Protein backbone atom coordinates (compact mmCIF):
# COMPACT_ATOMS: atom_id res chain seq x y z
CA UNK A 1 21.97 21.33 -5.84
CA UNK A 2 19.02 23.53 -6.20
CA UNK A 3 16.41 22.14 -9.02
CA UNK A 4 13.69 23.38 -11.19
CA UNK A 5 10.65 21.20 -11.24
CA UNK A 6 8.17 21.37 -14.12
CA UNK A 7 5.09 19.53 -13.90
CA UNK A 8 2.00 19.28 -16.24
CA UNK A 9 -1.00 17.33 -15.14
CA UNK A 10 -3.89 17.01 -17.26
CA UNK A 11 -7.42 17.02 -16.31
CA UNK A 12 -6.88 19.36 -12.77
CA UNK A 13 -9.09 22.32 -12.61
CA UNK A 14 -8.09 25.36 -10.87
CA UNK A 15 -11.20 24.69 -8.23
CA UNK A 16 -9.05 21.17 -7.27
CA UNK A 17 -5.95 23.06 -7.13
CA UNK A 18 -7.29 25.34 -4.78
CA UNK A 19 -8.81 22.58 -2.56
CA UNK A 20 -5.60 20.63 -2.68
CA UNK A 21 -3.94 24.15 -1.78
CA UNK A 22 -6.19 24.30 1.22
CA UNK A 23 -5.67 20.94 2.43
CA UNK A 24 -1.89 21.02 2.79
CA UNK A 25 -1.66 24.64 3.61
CA UNK A 26 2.13 25.17 1.86
CA UNK A 27 1.53 29.02 2.23
CA UNK A 28 1.02 28.82 5.72
CA UNK A 29 3.56 26.00 7.01
CA UNK A 30 6.44 26.62 3.57
CA UNK A 31 7.85 23.35 3.01
CA UNK A 32 11.28 22.79 3.77
CA UNK A 33 13.49 23.27 1.19
CA UNK A 34 11.09 25.38 -1.24
CA UNK A 35 12.07 28.71 -2.56
CA UNK A 36 9.06 29.35 -5.35
CA UNK A 37 6.18 28.25 -6.62
CA UNK A 38 4.02 28.99 -9.39
CA UNK A 39 0.72 27.61 -11.18
CA UNK A 40 -1.42 28.42 -14.02
CA UNK A 41 -3.65 27.00 -16.35
CA UNK A 42 -4.24 26.60 -20.12
CA UNK A 43 -8.01 24.53 -20.83
CA UNK A 44 -7.91 21.23 -19.15
CA UNK A 45 -4.12 21.35 -18.00
CA UNK A 46 -2.53 22.76 -14.86
CA UNK A 47 1.17 23.75 -15.22
CA UNK A 48 3.44 24.75 -12.04
CA UNK A 49 7.11 25.83 -12.31
CA UNK A 50 8.85 25.45 -8.62
CA UNK A 51 12.22 25.74 -7.45
CA UNK A 52 13.26 23.44 -4.76
CA UNK A 53 17.08 23.72 -2.69
CA UNK A 54 17.28 19.31 -3.82
CA UNK A 55 14.84 17.03 -5.35
CA UNK A 56 15.08 15.53 -2.03
CA UNK A 57 13.42 18.36 -0.34
CA UNK A 58 10.16 17.89 -2.83
CA UNK A 59 10.04 14.41 -2.70
CA UNK A 60 9.88 14.44 0.69
CA UNK A 61 7.04 16.80 1.00
CA UNK A 62 5.30 15.07 -1.89
CA UNK A 63 5.29 11.86 0.28
CA UNK A 64 4.66 13.25 2.97
CA UNK A 65 2.13 16.48 2.58
CA UNK A 66 1.19 16.68 -1.23
CA UNK A 67 -0.06 12.72 -1.77
CA UNK A 68 -2.35 12.40 0.90
CA UNK A 69 -3.82 16.13 -0.21
CA UNK A 70 -4.02 14.60 -4.11
CA UNK A 71 -6.05 11.53 -2.88
CA UNK A 72 -8.43 13.56 -0.59
CA UNK A 73 -9.18 16.17 -3.37
CA UNK A 74 -9.30 12.92 -5.85
CA UNK A 75 -7.10 14.25 -8.50
CA UNK A 76 -7.16 11.68 -11.00
CA UNK A 77 -4.34 10.42 -13.65
CA UNK A 78 -0.60 11.47 -13.02
CA UNK A 79 1.27 14.28 -13.49
CA UNK A 80 4.32 14.91 -16.22
CA UNK A 81 7.07 16.12 -13.32
CA UNK A 82 10.66 17.20 -14.56
CA UNK A 83 13.33 17.84 -12.45
CA UNK A 84 16.44 19.73 -13.93
CA UNK A 85 19.15 21.20 -12.36
CA UNK A 86 19.09 25.30 -11.92
CA UNK A 87 22.12 26.74 -13.07
CA UNK A 88 21.10 29.93 -11.77
CA UNK A 89 18.65 31.68 -9.50
CA UNK A 90 17.66 35.18 -9.54
CA UNK A 91 14.64 37.19 -7.25
CA UNK A 92 13.91 41.03 -8.17
CA UNK A 93 14.35 43.15 -5.12
CA UNK A 94 10.68 43.82 -3.68
CA UNK A 95 9.02 40.30 -4.74
CA UNK A 96 6.66 38.50 -2.63
CA UNK A 97 4.51 36.10 -2.30
CA UNK A 98 0.46 35.46 -2.62
CA UNK A 99 -1.57 35.55 -5.67
């Protein structure tokens, strides 16, 4: 079942996020099961909303690729992560990826 991941991580900056993105390369090598990723920032806080085909897909990606990048970049603290079953998913025609 598809899940929505919501993440809030205090203290992560846009520069740190970009460094992690460069290290993991998930836009070039899309993780199995990832459907959608959106990140944004408020002062002092990073927010992420993802859609994954299954929670296990994210957990595998985190263990194999994301956790080592988090250590390499030196992100402090721990994120608040929640998974919620998706009820419905719609992607507008013509929607694409990228910044």
